[in-house]
């Protein structure tokens, strides 16, 4: 299967999910500049079930959520971000969503496990109550220390030091 085939509209992803045996895991995010923290999150998420669906915020939702407070996010367009996430081995399905919150997508897909980074308090995880109400689990995954898109952008702009400078970000 090509990586492009892993990218599905919400309706197609819901049909795929219904046909998929085993526990289905869901996580979501912007995934603007893919880094090792993203990979670690996706690997940990996939380990929680038989398949992993990733919701990727659309360009418009990223702008509305102020990820681009300087007006420069997302850096990578949504279709490219979705394709990069789909290319990662732990990922089985990618859905780009335009809403500010993934709640409608979570309700449509009804995952068995909802995964977010440990930087989110349990009460701040969108969809946690719903997933637990239908018998699912919520898992918070530890972050990779010192790694984030914001920090990567700062290094690329020369705004923060770091071992290896911007060249170290490519690892």
Protein backbone atom coordinates (compact mmCIF):
# COMPACT_ATOMS: atom_id res chain seq x y z
CA UNK A 1 0.00 0.00 0.00
CA UNK A 2 1.36 3.43 -0.89
CA UNK A 3 1.49 6.06 1.81
CA UNK A 4 -1.10 8.13 -0.07
CA UNK A 5 -3.57 5.25 0.28
CA UNK A 6 -3.34 5.48 4.06
CA UNK A 7 -4.83 8.99 3.90
CA UNK A 8 -8.60 8.78 4.11
CA UNK A 9 -11.54 11.15 4.47
CA UNK A 10 -13.34 10.82 7.82
CA UNK A 11 -16.18 8.74 6.34
CA UNK A 12 -13.79 6.32 4.64
CA UNK A 13 -11.70 6.08 7.82
CA UNK A 14 -14.84 5.22 9.83
CA UNK A 15 -15.66 2.40 7.37
CA UNK A 16 -12.05 1.18 7.54
CA UNK A 17 -12.16 1.26 11.33
CA UNK A 18 -15.38 -0.81 11.44
CA UNK A 19 -13.77 -3.53 9.29
CA UNK A 20 -10.53 -3.56 11.28
CA UNK A 21 -10.24 -6.33 13.89
CA UNK A 22 -8.54 -5.65 17.19
CA UNK A 23 -8.07 -2.55 19.27
CA UNK A 24 -7.85 0.67 17.27
CA UNK A 25 -5.79 3.54 18.67
CA UNK A 26 -6.29 7.23 17.86
CA UNK A 27 -4.02 10.21 18.36
CA UNK A 28 -3.94 13.62 16.74
CA UNK A 29 -1.79 16.67 16.26
CA UNK A 30 -0.34 19.21 13.86
CA UNK A 31 2.84 17.25 12.98
CA UNK A 32 4.25 20.37 11.33
CA UNK A 33 7.98 19.65 11.30
CA UNK A 34 8.28 15.94 11.90
CA UNK A 35 10.81 15.15 14.66
CA UNK A 36 11.86 12.31 16.94
CA UNK A 37 9.25 13.27 19.53
CA UNK A 38 6.50 12.67 16.97
CA UNK A 39 8.00 9.31 16.04
CA UNK A 40 8.24 8.25 19.70
CA UNK A 41 4.61 9.26 20.31
CA UNK A 42 3.39 7.35 17.26
CA UNK A 43 5.41 4.24 18.14
CA UNK A 44 4.06 4.28 21.70
CA UNK A 45 0.52 4.84 20.44
CA UNK A 46 0.72 1.93 18.00
CA UNK A 47 1.99 -0.34 20.77
CA UNK A 48 -1.35 0.20 22.55
CA UNK A 49 -3.40 -1.61 19.90
CA UNK A 50 -3.67 -3.43 16.59
CA UNK A 51 -3.95 -0.33 14.40
CA UNK A 52 -3.25 3.40 14.65
CA UNK A 53 -5.34 6.22 13.19
CA UNK A 54 -3.77 9.68 13.27
CA UNK A 55 -5.81 12.86 12.97
CA UNK A 56 -3.82 15.70 11.41
CA UNK A 57 -5.01 19.29 11.85
CA UNK A 58 -5.76 21.06 8.58
CA UNK A 59 -3.86 24.23 7.70
CA UNK A 60 -6.91 26.33 8.56
CA UNK A 61 -7.34 24.74 11.97
CA UNK A 62 -3.63 25.24 12.77
CA UNK A 63 -3.96 28.94 11.96
CA UNK A 64 -7.12 29.23 14.09
CA UNK A 65 -5.45 27.45 17.01
CA UNK A 66 -2.67 30.06 16.99
CA UNK A 67 0.10 27.52 16.44
CA UNK A 68 1.21 30.14 13.96
CA UNK A 69 1.16 33.12 16.31
CA UNK A 70 3.84 34.67 14.10
CA UNK A 71 1.66 33.90 11.10
CA UNK A 72 4.15 31.29 9.90
CA UNK A 73 2.52 28.01 10.86
CA UNK A 74 2.00 25.55 9.57
CA UNK A 75 5.34 25.48 7.80
CA UNK A 76 4.46 22.31 5.90
CA UNK A 77 1.07 22.16 4.06
CA UNK A 78 -1.55 19.71 5.36
CA UNK A 79 -1.36 17.24 2.47
CA UNK A 80 2.41 16.97 2.87
CA UNK A 81 2.15 16.63 6.66
CA UNK A 82 -0.46 13.88 6.22
CA UNK A 83 1.73 12.06 3.68
CA UNK A 84 4.79 12.22 5.95
CA UNK A 85 2.83 10.85 8.91
CA UNK A 86 1.32 8.14 6.70
CA UNK A 87 4.82 7.08 5.64
CA UNK A 88 5.74 6.15 9.21
CA UNK A 89 5.58 2.43 9.93
CA UNK A 90 3.40 2.61 13.06
CA UNK A 91 0.64 4.52 11.23
CA UNK A 92 -2.21 2.65 9.53
CA UNK A 93 -4.57 5.50 8.64
CA UNK A 94 -4.40 9.32 8.52
CA UNK A 95 -7.35 11.72 8.51
CA UNK A 96 -6.96 15.48 7.99
CA UNK A 97 -9.60 17.32 10.02
CA UNK A 98 -10.64 20.95 9.74
CA UNK A 99 -12.34 21.43 13.10
CA UNK A 100 -10.55 23.15 15.97
CA UNK A 101 -11.04 20.01 18.07
CA UNK A 102 -10.79 16.34 17.08
CA UNK A 103 -13.91 15.47 19.13
CA UNK A 104 -16.26 14.92 16.16
CA UNK A 105 -13.66 12.70 14.49
CA UNK A 106 -13.09 10.73 17.69
CA UNK A 107 -16.85 10.21 18.08
CA UNK A 108 -17.12 9.07 14.48
CA UNK A 109 -14.17 6.66 14.67
CA UNK A 110 -14.86 5.35 18.21
CA UNK A 111 -11.28 4.28 18.99
CA UNK A 112 -10.59 1.74 21.70
CA UNK A 113 -7.58 3.72 22.91
CA UNK A 114 -6.93 7.48 22.84
CA UNK A 115 -3.28 8.54 23.12
CA UNK A 116 -1.82 11.99 23.78
CA UNK A 117 1.50 13.29 25.03
CA UNK A 118 1.99 13.56 28.79
CA UNK A 119 2.11 17.34 28.44
CA UNK A 120 -1.71 17.10 28.34
CA UNK A 121 -3.41 16.68 31.71
CA UNK A 122 -6.05 13.94 31.61
CA UNK A 123 -8.84 16.53 31.97
CA UNK A 124 -7.47 18.48 28.98
CA UNK A 125 -7.50 15.54 26.57
CA UNK A 126 -10.30 16.09 24.08
CA UNK A 127 -12.43 12.96 23.72
CA UNK A 128 -11.14 11.25 26.88
CA UNK A 129 -14.54 11.17 28.59
CA UNK A 130 -16.22 9.84 25.46
CA UNK A 131 -13.66 7.09 24.85
CA UNK A 132 -13.85 5.94 28.46
CA UNK A 133 -17.67 6.07 28.35
CA UNK A 134 -17.76 3.44 25.57
CA UNK A 135 -15.25 1.26 27.40
CA UNK A 136 -12.00 2.53 25.89
CA UNK A 137 -8.79 3.69 27.51
CA UNK A 138 -6.87 6.96 27.59
CA UNK A 139 -3.06 6.76 27.60
CA UNK A 140 -0.64 9.62 28.21
CA UNK A 141 2.79 9.04 26.65
CA UNK A 142 5.98 10.59 28.09
CA UNK A 143 7.54 13.25 25.88
CA UNK A 144 11.05 13.16 24.48
CA UNK A 145 12.87 15.81 26.52
CA UNK A 146 13.96 18.94 24.69
CA UNK A 147 12.23 18.10 21.42
CA UNK A 148 9.34 20.10 19.95
CA UNK A 149 8.45 21.82 16.71
CA UNK A 150 8.58 25.19 18.50
CA UNK A 151 12.12 24.48 19.73
CA UNK A 152 13.15 23.22 16.31
CA UNK A 153 11.85 26.40 14.65
CA UNK A 154 13.70 28.54 17.20
CA UNK A 155 16.95 26.73 16.42
CA UNK A 156 16.39 27.09 12.69
CA UNK A 157 15.81 30.83 13.16
CA UNK A 158 18.97 31.08 15.27
CA UNK A 159 16.93 32.01 18.33
CA UNK A 160 18.21 29.22 20.55
CA UNK A 161 21.44 27.32 20.88
CA UNK A 162 21.75 23.61 20.80
CA UNK A 163 24.30 20.96 20.15
CA UNK A 164 25.08 21.02 16.49
CA UNK A 165 22.93 24.09 15.80
CA UNK A 166 20.35 23.73 13.05
CA UNK A 167 22.32 20.82 11.61
CA UNK A 168 21.48 18.78 14.72
CA UNK A 169 17.78 19.14 14.00
CA UNK A 170 17.99 16.92 10.94
CA UNK A 171 18.81 13.83 12.99
